[in-house]
Amino acid sequence: MDSGDIPEVLVANRQNQLIFLTGLDIVNNRSHAAVFSAFTVNREQDRPPIDFVMLDGTQTFCESKAHQQTVSNFSYGFIKVDWFKKYVRDLPSVIVLFADLDWDHPSWNEKATECESKISSLRTSIGSHATRICIVLLQQIQPMDSPLAVERTAKLCQLCQLPTKQLFILTAGERMFSSVLRLETAFHELAQAFYQQCLKSIRARSIPNNFSNLIIRQQFKLAFISELRQDTHTALRHYKLAYQHCTECEIVDSEIFELRAVAGLLNYKICQLSFFHSAALEALAQQRRHNNTFFCLPPGSYPSPATASIEHLLWKGKQ
């Protein structure tokens, strides 16, 4: 991580959950465009914190890496910038497949098979990631609890290997927006489960106690995923733990630039979330602690004493 400014991804007070939408032809189909607008336009603070992105076939999902628990495979450095970018741009918490399919559609079996094929393709693209998949059926008639609807709901879920709670109905008409709001709440709950699984996976990785950079990295990951899960109190706790390790770790001269950059980033997040929780005094105390801890440290001598001194002064100015 460079010793530059705070990455734009981390500046937001509230992290949005990434959800991909697919199956909507928003260019040629007016009803599809209306559905997409209902999800994406006028997203006020009272709506779930979600970024809806159309999956157009050009996106690539991040490859899932097998984590080998050997020291030789641990990377150098503290925080990889691309790691948190993937959670806001590339790796969705939920993928929603839309399909025009009424219960009495004359080609219902063919349409259901088409849905199954698309779901299978999405699963292949996701790989071992915990991304949730769900289906939204776009219907013209208000859904009713008919025997046909019950039968075909069970059949479609069985065919696509999805639980019934991940199959939804959206009817066009005056009440569509209220239905969209209910769908958003359901998508948000699925996203919460995705991020909870991410946290569980990160905690399960064994980190040697003598690798301070990996401890800091793990705490940062737990904090950022907690932010995505909208658990800002837990996020703040992990940011504080990461910062504490920054103040205690022994660092070689060639890595002091990155340590200061990471400490500055963590200090920013701690202050930001403290203000978010209406704890201004805690934020001010954290900034004073930051000044007292890192401003007084020697600038180092890498790559040269003069360059190190200039970089240190530049870093101070950005704090």
C-alpha atoms as a PDB file:
ATOM      1  CA  MET A   1       0.000   0.000   0.000  1.00  0.00           C
ATOM      2  CA  ASP A   2       1.357   3.423  -0.974  1.00  0.00           C
ATOM      3  CA  SER A   3       1.803   6.266   1.478  1.00  0.00           C
ATOM      4  CA  GLY A   4      -0.626   8.449  -0.475  1.00  0.00           C
ATOM      5  CA  ASP A   5      -4.094   9.714   0.295  1.00  0.00           C
ATOM      6  CA  ILE A   6      -6.932   7.644   1.743  1.00  0.00           C
ATOM      7  CA  PRO A   7      -8.306   5.364  -1.018  1.00  0.00           C
ATOM      8  CA  GLU A   8     -11.634   6.621  -2.340  1.00  0.00           C
ATOM      9  CA  VAL A   9     -13.261   3.282  -1.547  1.00  0.00           C
ATOM     10  CA  LEU A  10     -12.693   3.842   2.183  1.00  0.00           C
ATOM     11  CA  VAL A  11     -13.814   7.472   2.387  1.00  0.00           C
ATOM     12  CA  ALA A  12     -17.562   6.749   2.539  1.00  0.00           C
ATOM     13  CA  ASN A  13     -19.249   6.898   5.939  1.00  0.00           C
ATOM     14  CA  ARG A  14     -21.388   3.899   5.003  1.00  0.00           C
ATOM     15  CA  GLN A  15     -20.187   1.042   2.819  1.00  0.00           C
ATOM     16  CA  ASN A  16     -22.728  -0.241   0.302  1.00  0.00           C
ATOM     17  CA  GLN A  17     -23.275  -3.920  -0.364  1.00  0.00           C
ATOM     18  CA  LEU A  18     -22.630  -4.998  -3.964  1.00  0.00           C
ATOM     19  CA  ILE A  19     -25.466  -6.835  -5.730  1.00  0.00           C
ATOM     20  CA  PHE A  20     -25.432  -7.835  -9.404  1.00  0.00           C
ATOM     21  CA  LEU A  21     -28.628  -7.910 -11.474  1.00  0.00           C
ATOM     22  CA  THR A  22     -28.953 -10.011 -14.624  1.00  0.00           C
ATOM     23  CA  GLY A  23     -31.718 -10.955 -17.045  1.00  0.00           C
ATOM     24  CA  LEU A  24     -32.989  -7.390 -17.616  1.00  0.00           C
ATOM     25  CA  ASP A  25     -32.919  -5.875 -21.105  1.00  0.00           C
ATOM     26  CA  ILE A  26     -33.005  -2.234 -20.015  1.00  0.00           C
ATOM     27  CA  VAL A  27     -32.272  -0.925 -23.528  1.00  0.00           C
ATOM     28  CA  ASN A  28     -35.017  -2.624 -25.539  1.00  0.00           C
ATOM     29  CA  ASN A  29     -37.632  -3.481 -22.910  1.00  0.00           C
ATOM     30  CA  ARG A  30     -39.446  -0.588 -21.192  1.00  0.00           C
ATOM     31  CA  SER A  31     -40.803  -2.718 -18.350  1.00  0.00           C
ATOM     32  CA  HIS A  32     -37.302  -4.039 -17.625  1.00  0.00           C
ATOM     33  CA  ALA A  33     -35.965  -0.478 -17.632  1.00  0.00           C
ATOM     34  CA  ALA A  34     -38.692   0.528 -15.161  1.00  0.00           C
ATOM     35  CA  VAL A  35     -37.714  -2.327 -12.849  1.00  0.00           C
ATOM     36  CA  PHE A  36     -34.048  -1.352 -12.972  1.00  0.00           C
ATOM     37  CA  SER A  37     -34.893   2.308 -12.276  1.00  0.00           C
ATOM     38  CA  ALA A  38     -37.020   1.315  -9.291  1.00  0.00           C
ATOM     39  CA  PHE A  39     -33.979  -0.377  -7.760  1.00  0.00           C
ATOM     40  CA  THR A  40     -31.366   2.248  -8.621  1.00  0.00           C
ATOM     41  CA  VAL A  41     -32.978   5.724  -8.721  1.00  0.00           C
ATOM     42  CA  ASN A  42     -33.518   7.933  -5.647  1.00  0.00           C
ATOM     43  CA  ARG A  43     -31.746   5.706  -3.166  1.00  0.00           C
ATOM     44  CA  GLU A  44     -32.342   7.581   0.078  1.00  0.00           C
ATOM     45  CA  GLN A  45     -30.703   6.867   3.428  1.00  0.00           C
ATOM     46  CA  ASP A  46     -33.753   4.943   4.667  1.00  0.00           C
ATOM     47  CA  ARG A  47     -33.298   2.280   1.964  1.00  0.00           C
ATOM     48  CA  PRO A  48     -30.878  -0.639   2.431  1.00  0.00           C
ATOM     49  CA  PRO A  49     -27.247   0.317   1.647  1.00  0.00           C
ATOM     50  CA  ILE A  50     -26.951  -1.485  -1.686  1.00  0.00           C
ATOM     51  CA  ASP A  51     -25.184  -0.807  -4.983  1.00  0.00           C
ATOM     52  CA  PHE A  52     -27.146  -2.484  -7.777  1.00  0.00           C
ATOM     53  CA  VAL A  53     -25.005  -3.195 -10.853  1.00  0.00           C
ATOM     54  CA  MET A  54     -26.129  -4.760 -14.127  1.00  0.00           C
ATOM     55  CA  LEU A  55     -24.180  -7.909 -14.963  1.00  0.00           C
ATOM     56  CA  ASP A  56     -23.497  -7.490 -18.676  1.00  0.00           C
ATOM     57  CA  GLY A  57     -21.121 -10.379 -19.265  1.00  0.00           C
ATOM     58  CA  THR A  58     -17.940  -8.306 -19.173  1.00  0.00           C
ATOM     59  CA  GLN A  59     -17.428  -8.496 -15.404  1.00  0.00           C
ATOM     60  CA  THR A  60     -14.999 -11.040 -14.053  1.00  0.00           C
ATOM     61  CA  PHE A  61     -15.384 -12.505 -10.598  1.00  0.00           C
ATOM     62  CA  CYS A  62     -12.329 -12.578  -8.368  1.00  0.00           C
ATOM     63  CA  GLU A  63     -10.718 -15.982  -8.336  1.00  0.00           C
ATOM     64  CA  SER A  64     -10.920 -17.764  -5.020  1.00  0.00           C
ATOM     65  CA  LYS A  65      -7.487 -18.602  -3.689  1.00  0.00           C
ATOM     66  CA  ALA A  66      -6.585 -21.580  -1.559  1.00  0.00           C
ATOM     67  CA  HIS A  67      -4.943 -20.360   1.629  1.00  0.00           C
ATOM     68  CA  GLN A  68      -1.931 -22.468   2.485  1.00  0.00           C
ATOM     69  CA  GLN A  69      -1.053 -22.318   6.145  1.00  0.00           C
ATOM     70  CA  THR A  70       2.707 -22.139   5.662  1.00  0.00           C
ATOM     71  CA  VAL A  71       4.902 -19.158   6.437  1.00  0.00           C
ATOM     72  CA  SER A  72       6.641 -19.342   3.060  1.00  0.00           C
ATOM     73  CA  ASN A  73       3.360 -18.521   1.320  1.00  0.00           C
ATOM     74  CA  PHE A  74       2.581 -15.402   3.378  1.00  0.00           C
ATOM     75  CA  SER A  75       2.898 -12.196   1.361  1.00  0.00           C
ATOM     76  CA  TYR A  76       4.892  -9.189   2.411  1.00  0.00           C
ATOM     77  CA  GLY A  77       3.269  -5.872   3.200  1.00  0.00           C
ATOM     78  CA  PHE A  78       0.303  -4.934   5.340  1.00  0.00           C
ATOM     79  CA  ILE A  79      -2.805  -4.211   3.272  1.00  0.00           C
ATOM     80  CA  LYS A  80      -3.387  -5.020  -0.380  1.00  0.00           C
ATOM     81  CA  VAL A  81      -5.313  -2.204  -2.040  1.00  0.00           C
ATOM     82  CA  ASP A  82      -6.962  -4.559  -4.534  1.00  0.00           C
ATOM     83  CA  TRP A  83      -8.388  -6.656  -1.703  1.00  0.00           C
ATOM     84  CA  PHE A  84     -10.999  -4.180  -0.506  1.00  0.00           C
ATOM     85  CA  LYS A  85     -11.686  -2.915  -4.035  1.00  0.00           C
ATOM     86  CA  LYS A  86     -12.925  -6.344  -5.088  1.00  0.00           C
ATOM     87  CA  TYR A  87     -15.688  -6.252  -2.466  1.00  0.00           C
ATOM     88  CA  VAL A  88     -17.124  -2.987  -3.785  1.00  0.00           C
ATOM     89  CA  ARG A  89     -16.593  -3.585  -7.525  1.00  0.00           C
ATOM     90  CA  ASP A  90     -16.009  -7.212  -8.497  1.00  0.00           C
ATOM     91  CA  LEU A  91     -17.318  -9.722  -5.962  1.00  0.00           C
ATOM     92  CA  PRO A  92     -21.087  -9.414  -5.370  1.00  0.00           C
ATOM     93  CA  SER A  93     -22.788 -10.522  -2.200  1.00  0.00           C
ATOM     94  CA  VAL A  94     -25.897 -11.498  -4.180  1.00  0.00           C
ATOM     95  CA  ILE A  95     -26.697 -12.126  -7.849  1.00  0.00           C
ATOM     96  CA  VAL A  96     -30.345 -11.645  -8.830  1.00  0.00           C
ATOM     97  CA  LEU A  97     -31.611 -13.365 -11.980  1.00  0.00           C
ATOM     98  CA  PHE A  98     -34.763 -11.812 -13.477  1.00  0.00           C
ATOM     99  CA  ALA A  99     -37.025 -13.857 -15.751  1.00  0.00           C
ATOM    100  CA  ASP A 100     -40.335 -13.052 -17.488  1.00  0.00           C
ATOM    101  CA  LEU A 101     -42.358 -16.059 -16.416  1.00  0.00           C
ATOM    102  CA  ASP A 102     -46.013 -16.287 -15.383  1.00  0.00           C
ATOM    103  CA  TRP A 103     -47.245 -19.457 -13.731  1.00  0.00           C
ATOM    104  CA  ASP A 104     -49.517 -20.239 -16.704  1.00  0.00           C
ATOM    105  CA  HIS A 105     -46.945 -19.479 -19.398  1.00  0.00           C
ATOM    106  CA  PRO A 106     -47.533 -21.849 -22.354  1.00  0.00           C
ATOM    107  CA  SER A 107     -43.806 -22.674 -22.530  1.00  0.00           C
ATOM    108  CA  TRP A 108     -43.285 -22.849 -18.788  1.00  0.00           C
ATOM    109  CA  ASN A 109     -41.115 -25.994 -18.829  1.00  0.00           C
ATOM    110  CA  GLU A 110     -38.765 -24.545 -21.437  1.00  0.00           C
ATOM    111  CA  LYS A 111     -38.519 -21.258 -19.538  1.00  0.00           C
ATOM    112  CA  ALA A 112     -37.802 -23.091 -16.283  1.00  0.00           C
ATOM    113  CA  THR A 113     -35.038 -25.087 -17.977  1.00  0.00           C
ATOM    114  CA  GLU A 114     -33.593 -21.834 -19.288  1.00  0.00           C
ATOM    115  CA  CYS A 115     -33.529 -20.440 -15.738  1.00  0.00           C
ATOM    116  CA  GLU A 116     -31.766 -23.569 -14.520  1.00  0.00           C
ATOM    117  CA  SER A 117     -29.128 -23.203 -17.234  1.00  0.00           C
ATOM    118  CA  LYS A 118     -28.458 -19.570 -16.308  1.00  0.00           C
ATOM    119  CA  ILE A 119     -28.237 -20.403 -12.598  1.00  0.00           C
ATOM    120  CA  SER A 120     -25.775 -23.195 -13.349  1.00  0.00           C
ATOM    121  CA  SER A 121     -23.638 -20.808 -15.399  1.00  0.00           C
ATOM    122  CA  LEU A 122     -23.625 -18.256 -12.566  1.00  0.00           C
ATOM    123  CA  ARG A 123     -22.559 -20.904 -10.059  1.00  0.00           C
ATOM    124  CA  THR A 124     -19.659 -21.857 -12.313  1.00  0.00           C
ATOM    125  CA  SER A 125     -18.567 -18.214 -12.537  1.00  0.00           C
ATOM    126  CA  ILE A 126     -18.784 -17.729  -8.774  1.00  0.00           C
ATOM    127  CA  GLY A 127     -16.678 -20.785  -8.018  1.00  0.00           C
ATOM    128  CA  SER A 128     -16.103 -21.332  -4.312  1.00  0.00           C
ATOM    129  CA  HIS A 129     -17.201 -17.835  -3.278  1.00  0.00           C
ATOM    130  CA  ALA A 130     -20.172 -17.610  -0.919  1.00  0.00           C
ATOM    131  CA  THR A 131     -22.172 -15.286  -3.196  1.00  0.00           C
ATOM    132  CA  ARG A 132     -25.916 -15.908  -2.865  1.00  0.00           C
ATOM    133  CA  ILE A 133     -28.096 -16.423  -5.948  1.00  0.00           C
ATOM    134  CA  CYS A 134     -31.819 -15.754  -6.204  1.00  0.00           C
ATOM    135  CA  ILE A 135     -34.511 -15.543  -8.899  1.00  0.00           C
ATOM    136  CA  VAL A 136     -37.142 -12.856  -9.419  1.00  0.00           C
ATOM    137  CA  LEU A 137     -40.028 -13.817 -11.706  1.00  0.00           C
ATOM    138  CA  LEU A 138     -41.504 -10.825 -13.536  1.00  0.00           C
ATOM    139  CA  GLN A 139     -45.230 -11.483 -13.854  1.00  0.00           C
ATOM    140  CA  GLN A 140     -48.111  -9.553 -15.401  1.00  0.00           C
ATOM    141  CA  ILE A 141     -50.823 -10.896 -13.098  1.00  0.00           C
ATOM    142  CA  GLN A 142     -50.967 -10.361  -9.347  1.00  0.00           C
ATOM    143  CA  PRO A 143     -49.756 -13.656  -7.797  1.00  0.00           C
ATOM    144  CA  MET A 144     -52.316 -15.835  -6.059  1.00  0.00           C
ATOM    145  CA  ASP A 145     -51.960 -18.926  -3.877  1.00  0.00           C
ATOM    146  CA  SER A 146     -53.196 -21.319  -6.533  1.00  0.00           C
ATOM    147  CA  PRO A 147     -52.290 -25.024  -6.647  1.00  0.00           C
ATOM    148  CA  LEU A 148     -50.492 -24.363  -9.946  1.00  0.00           C
ATOM    149  CA  ALA A 149     -48.334 -21.618  -8.392  1.00  0.00           C
ATOM    150  CA  VAL A 150     -47.437 -23.803  -5.401  1.00  0.00           C
ATOM    151  CA  GLU A 151     -46.574 -26.755  -7.634  1.00  0.00           C
ATOM    152  CA  ARG A 152     -44.430 -24.770 -10.055  1.00  0.00           C
ATOM    153  CA  THR A 153     -42.686 -22.848  -7.279  1.00  0.00           C
ATOM    154  CA  ALA A 154     -41.499 -26.130  -5.785  1.00  0.00           C
ATOM    155  CA  LYS A 155     -40.536 -27.494  -9.208  1.00  0.00           C
ATOM    156  CA  LEU A 156     -38.535 -24.397 -10.211  1.00  0.00           C
ATOM    157  CA  CYS A 157     -36.691 -24.295  -6.878  1.00  0.00           C
ATOM    158  CA  GLN A 158     -35.872 -27.987  -7.140  1.00  0.00           C
ATOM    159  CA  LEU A 159     -34.690 -27.583 -10.729  1.00  0.00           C
ATOM    160  CA  CYS A 160     -32.442 -24.614  -9.860  1.00  0.00           C
ATOM    161  CA  GLN A 161     -31.374 -26.093  -6.499  1.00  0.00           C
ATOM    162  CA  LEU A 162     -32.502 -23.011  -4.596  1.00  0.00           C
ATOM    163  CA  PRO A 163     -34.481 -22.724  -1.354  1.00  0.00           C
ATOM    164  CA  THR A 164     -37.971 -21.289  -1.773  1.00  0.00           C
ATOM    165  CA  LYS A 165     -36.971 -18.185   0.197  1.00  0.00           C
ATOM    166  CA  GLN A 166     -34.659 -17.263  -2.701  1.00  0.00           C
ATOM    167  CA  LEU A 167     -37.458 -17.203  -5.278  1.00  0.00           C
ATOM    168  CA  PHE A 168     -39.421 -13.956  -5.519  1.00  0.00           C
ATOM    169  CA  ILE A 169     -42.292 -12.549  -7.572  1.00  0.00           C
ATOM    170  CA  LEU A 170     -42.430  -8.990  -8.930  1.00  0.00           C
ATOM    171  CA  THR A 171     -45.633  -7.812 -10.595  1.00  0.00           C
ATOM    172  CA  ALA A 172     -45.749  -4.812 -12.911  1.00  0.00           C
ATOM    173  CA  GLY A 173     -48.200  -2.077 -11.985  1.00  0.00           C
ATOM    174  CA  GLU A 174     -48.864   0.714  -9.520  1.00  0.00           C
ATOM    175  CA  ARG A 175     -47.662  -1.285  -6.526  1.00  0.00           C
ATOM    176  CA  MET A 176     -44.376  -2.310  -8.096  1.00  0.00           C
ATOM    177  CA  PHE A 177     -42.277   0.150  -6.079  1.00  0.00           C
ATOM    178  CA  SER A 178     -43.556  -1.156  -2.734  1.00  0.00           C
ATOM    179  CA  SER A 179     -42.736  -4.671  -3.938  1.00  0.00           C
ATOM    180  CA  VAL A 180     -39.243  -3.503  -4.897  1.00  0.00           C
ATOM    181  CA  LEU A 181     -38.716  -2.193  -1.366  1.00  0.00           C
ATOM    182  CA  ARG A 182     -39.680  -5.591   0.063  1.00  0.00           C
ATOM    183  CA  LEU A 183     -37.311  -7.294  -2.362  1.00  0.00           C
ATOM    184  CA  GLU A 184     -34.485  -4.978  -1.308  1.00  0.00           C
ATOM    185  CA  THR A 185     -34.991  -6.014   2.291  1.00  0.00           C
ATOM    186  CA  ALA A 186     -34.810  -9.681   1.291  1.00  0.00           C
ATOM    187  CA  PHE A 187     -31.676  -9.080  -0.812  1.00  0.00           C
ATOM    188  CA  HIS A 188     -30.103  -7.216   2.101  1.00  0.00           C
ATOM    189  CA  GLU A 189     -30.680 -10.217   4.386  1.00  0.00           C
ATOM    190  CA  LEU A 190     -29.006 -12.499   1.833  1.00  0.00           C
ATOM    191  CA  ALA A 191     -26.092 -10.072   1.594  1.00  0.00           C
ATOM    192  CA  GLN A 192     -25.751 -10.091   5.387  1.00  0.00           C
ATOM    193  CA  ALA A 193     -25.387 -13.871   5.285  1.00  0.00           C
ATOM    194  CA  PHE A 194     -22.696 -13.564   2.595  1.00  0.00           C
ATOM    195  CA  TYR A 195     -20.605 -11.126   4.640  1.00  0.00           C
ATOM    196  CA  GLN A 196     -21.060 -13.213   7.774  1.00  0.00           C
ATOM    197  CA  GLN A 197     -19.598 -16.165   5.868  1.00  0.00           C
ATOM    198  CA  CYS A 198     -16.680 -13.972   4.754  1.00  0.00           C
ATOM    199  CA  LEU A 199     -15.981 -13.021   8.372  1.00  0.00           C
ATOM    200  CA  LYS A 200     -16.083 -16.666   9.411  1.00  0.00           C
ATOM    201  CA  SER A 201     -13.604 -17.570   6.667  1.00  0.00           C
ATOM    202  CA  ILE A 202     -11.175 -14.787   7.636  1.00  0.00           C
ATOM    203  CA  ARG A 203     -11.284 -15.712  11.329  1.00  0.00           C
ATOM    204  CA  ALA A 204     -10.587 -19.360  10.484  1.00  0.00           C
ATOM    205  CA  ARG A 205      -7.172 -18.557   9.021  1.00  0.00           C
ATOM    206  CA  SER A 206      -4.329 -19.234  11.414  1.00  0.00           C
ATOM    207  CA  ILE A 207      -1.896 -16.312  11.699  1.00  0.00           C
ATOM    208  CA  PRO A 208       1.529 -16.737  13.401  1.00  0.00           C
ATOM    209  CA  ASN A 209       1.937 -14.307  16.307  1.00  0.00           C
ATOM    210  CA  ASN A 210       5.352 -13.183  15.093  1.00  0.00           C
ATOM    211  CA  PHE A 211       3.959 -11.853  11.796  1.00  0.00           C
ATOM    212  CA  SER A 212       2.656  -8.432  12.831  1.00  0.00           C
ATOM    213  CA  ASN A 213       1.847  -7.406   9.273  1.00  0.00           C
ATOM    214  CA  LEU A 214      -0.469 -10.399   8.848  1.00  0.00           C
ATOM    215  CA  ILE A 215      -2.205  -9.725  12.163  1.00  0.00           C
ATOM    216  CA  ILE A 216      -2.803  -6.118  11.096  1.00  0.00           C
ATOM    217  CA  ARG A 217      -4.043  -7.301   7.699  1.00  0.00           C
ATOM    218  CA  GLN A 218      -6.459  -9.775   9.262  1.00  0.00           C
ATOM    219  CA  GLN A 219      -7.881  -7.191  11.675  1.00  0.00           C
ATOM    220  CA  PHE A 220      -8.311  -4.724   8.817  1.00  0.00           C
ATOM    221  CA  LYS A 221     -10.176  -7.321   6.750  1.00  0.00           C
ATOM    222  CA  LEU A 222     -12.481  -8.126   9.662  1.00  0.00           C
ATOM    223  CA  ALA A 223     -13.143  -4.411  10.146  1.00  0.00           C
ATOM    224  CA  PHE A 224     -13.904  -3.676   6.501  1.00  0.00           C
ATOM    225  CA  ILE A 225     -16.208  -6.691   6.048  1.00  0.00           C
ATOM    226  CA  SER A 226     -17.991  -5.673   9.262  1.00  0.00           C
ATOM    227  CA  GLU A 227     -18.547  -2.250   7.706  1.00  0.00           C
ATOM    228  CA  LEU A 228     -20.059  -3.898   4.644  1.00  0.00           C
ATOM    229  CA  ARG A 229     -22.277  -5.873   6.995  1.00  0.00           C
ATOM    230  CA  GLN A 230     -23.325  -2.522   8.557  1.00  0.00           C
ATOM    231  CA  ASP A 231     -21.890  -3.568  11.936  1.00  0.00           C
ATOM    232  CA  THR A 232     -19.890  -0.388  12.514  1.00  0.00           C
ATOM    233  CA  HIS A 233     -19.290  -1.031  16.216  1.00  0.00           C
ATOM    234  CA  THR A 234     -17.507  -4.314  15.470  1.00  0.00           C
ATOM    235  CA  ALA A 235     -15.679  -2.619  12.604  1.00  0.00           C
ATOM    236  CA  LEU A 236     -14.412   0.094  14.934  1.00  0.00           C
ATOM    237  CA  ARG A 237     -13.185  -2.508  17.421  1.00  0.00           C
ATOM    238  CA  HIS A 238     -11.155  -4.303  14.736  1.00  0.00           C
ATOM    239  CA  TYR A 239      -9.741  -1.042  13.357  1.00  0.00           C
ATOM    240  CA  LYS A 240      -8.581  -0.174  16.886  1.00  0.00           C
ATOM    241  CA  LEU A 241      -6.955  -3.594  17.316  1.00  0.00           C
ATOM    242  CA  ALA A 242      -5.150  -3.199  13.993  1.00  0.00           C
ATOM    243  CA  TYR A 243      -3.946   0.264  15.001  1.00  0.00           C
ATOM    244  CA  GLN A 244      -2.725  -1.047  18.361  1.00  0.00           C
ATOM    245  CA  HIS A 245      -0.617  -3.656  16.561  1.00  0.00           C
ATOM    246  CA  CYS A 246       0.814  -0.873  14.367  1.00  0.00           C
ATOM    247  CA  THR A 247       2.037   0.952  17.454  1.00  0.00           C
ATOM    248  CA  GLU A 248       3.622  -2.196  18.885  1.00  0.00           C
ATOM    249  CA  CYS A 249       5.144  -3.949  15.871  1.00  0.00           C
ATOM    250  CA  GLU A 250       8.855  -3.972  15.161  1.00  0.00           C
ATOM    251  CA  ILE A 251       9.515  -2.768  11.653  1.00  0.00           C
ATOM    252  CA  VAL A 252      12.546  -2.701   9.392  1.00  0.00           C
ATOM    253  CA  ASP A 253      13.606   0.635   7.947  1.00  0.00           C
ATOM    254  CA  SER A 254      12.544  -0.246   4.398  1.00  0.00           C
ATOM    255  CA  GLU A 255       8.916  -0.814   5.500  1.00  0.00           C
ATOM    256  CA  ILE A 256       8.446   2.283   7.640  1.00  0.00           C
ATOM    257  CA  PHE A 257       6.750   4.184   4.778  1.00  0.00           C
ATOM    258  CA  GLU A 258       4.041   1.566   4.500  1.00  0.00           C
ATOM    259  CA  LEU A 259       3.612   1.274   8.263  1.00  0.00           C
ATOM    260  CA  ARG A 260       2.968   5.012   8.514  1.00  0.00           C
ATOM    261  CA  ALA A 261       0.543   4.856   5.580  1.00  0.00           C
ATOM    262  CA  VAL A 262      -1.401   2.010   7.205  1.00  0.00           C
ATOM    263  CA  ALA A 263      -1.405   3.742  10.595  1.00  0.00           C
ATOM    264  CA  GLY A 264      -2.734   6.905   8.949  1.00  0.00           C
ATOM    265  CA  LEU A 265      -5.475   4.945   7.200  1.00  0.00           C
ATOM    266  CA  LEU A 266      -6.499   3.165  10.400  1.00  0.00           C
ATOM    267  CA  ASN A 267      -6.448   6.442  12.312  1.00  0.00           C
ATOM    268  CA  TYR A 268      -8.768   7.948   9.688  1.00  0.00           C
ATOM    269  CA  LYS A 269     -11.232   5.057   9.963  1.00  0.00           C
ATOM    270  CA  ILE A 270     -11.193   5.130  13.771  1.00  0.00           C
ATOM    271  CA  CYS A 271     -11.889   8.865  13.822  1.00  0.00           C
ATOM    272  CA  GLN A 272     -14.520   8.578  11.088  1.00  0.00           C
ATOM    273  CA  LEU A 273     -16.485   5.830  12.849  1.00  0.00           C
ATOM    274  CA  SER A 274     -16.118   7.565  16.212  1.00  0.00           C
ATOM    275  CA  PHE A 275     -17.765  10.672  14.759  1.00  0.00           C
ATOM    276  CA  PHE A 276     -20.364   8.424  13.105  1.00  0.00           C
ATOM    277  CA  HIS A 277     -21.190   7.045  16.562  1.00  0.00           C
ATOM    278  CA  SER A 278     -21.417  10.602  17.970  1.00  0.00           C
ATOM    279  CA  ALA A 279     -18.230  10.068  19.986  1.00  0.00           C
ATOM    280  CA  ALA A 280     -16.343  13.217  19.006  1.00  0.00           C
ATOM    281  CA  LEU A 281     -14.181  13.198  22.141  1.00  0.00           C
ATOM    282  CA  GLU A 282     -12.963   9.686  21.333  1.00  0.00           C
ATOM    283  CA  ALA A 283     -12.064  10.815  17.821  1.00  0.00           C
ATOM    284  CA  LEU A 284     -10.087  13.782  19.150  1.00  0.00           C
ATOM    285  CA  ALA A 285      -8.315  11.575  21.687  1.00  0.00           C
ATOM    286  CA  GLN A 286      -7.413   9.123  18.914  1.00  0.00           C
ATOM    287  CA  GLN A 287      -5.952  11.907  16.766  1.00  0.00           C
ATOM    288  CA  ARG A 288      -3.842  13.156  19.693  1.00  0.00           C
ATOM    289  CA  ARG A 289      -2.635   9.614  20.311  1.00  0.00           C
ATOM    290  CA  HIS A 290      -1.774   9.278  16.632  1.00  0.00           C
ATOM    291  CA  ASN A 291       0.249  12.491  16.703  1.00  0.00           C
ATOM    292  CA  ASN A 292       2.092  11.522  19.872  1.00  0.00           C
ATOM    293  CA  THR A 293       2.890   8.013  18.621  1.00  0.00           C
ATOM    294  CA  PHE A 294       3.937   8.475  15.002  1.00  0.00           C
ATOM    295  CA  PHE A 295       4.895  12.131  14.618  1.00  0.00           C
ATOM    296  CA  CYS A 296       7.761  11.738  17.072  1.00  0.00           C
ATOM    297  CA  LEU A 297       9.259   8.651  15.463  1.00  0.00           C
ATOM    298  CA  PRO A 298      12.499   9.115  13.495  1.00  0.00           C
ATOM    299  CA  PRO A 299      11.928   9.320   9.722  1.00  0.00           C
ATOM    300  CA  GLY A 300      14.343   6.477   9.014  1.00  0.00           C
ATOM    301  CA  SER A 301      17.054   6.348   6.380  1.00  0.00           C
ATOM    302  CA  TYR A 302      15.500   4.393   3.474  1.00  0.00           C
ATOM    303  CA  PRO A 303      16.183   4.899   0.577  1.00  0.00           C
ATOM    304  CA  SER A 304      18.289   7.813   1.852  1.00  0.00           C
ATOM    305  CA  PRO A 305      18.123   9.980   4.995  1.00  0.00           C
ATOM    306  CA  ALA A 306      17.131  13.070   2.972  1.00  0.00           C
ATOM    307  CA  THR A 307      14.354  11.279   1.061  1.00  0.00           C
ATOM    308  CA  ALA A 308      13.074   9.615   4.218  1.00  0.00           C
ATOM    309  CA  SER A 309      12.900  12.980   5.986  1.00  0.00           C
ATOM    310  CA  ILE A 310      10.954  14.547   3.106  1.00  0.00           C
ATOM    311  CA  GLU A 311       8.530  11.612   2.960  1.00  0.00           C
ATOM    312  CA  HIS A 312       7.983  11.834   6.707  1.00  0.00           C
ATOM    313  CA  LEU A 313       7.155  15.548   6.501  1.00  0.00           C
ATOM    314  CA  LEU A 314       4.815  14.914   3.573  1.00  0.00           C
ATOM    315  CA  TRP A 315       3.038  12.180   5.516  1.00  0.00           C
ATOM    316  CA  LYS A 316       2.654  14.466   8.540  1.00  0.00           C
ATOM    317  CA  GLY A 317       1.054  17.117   6.357  1.00  0.00           C
ATOM    318  CA  LYS A 318      -1.587  14.669   5.172  1.00  0.00           C
ATOM    319  CA  GLN A 319      -2.617  13.618   8.669  1.00  0.00           C
END
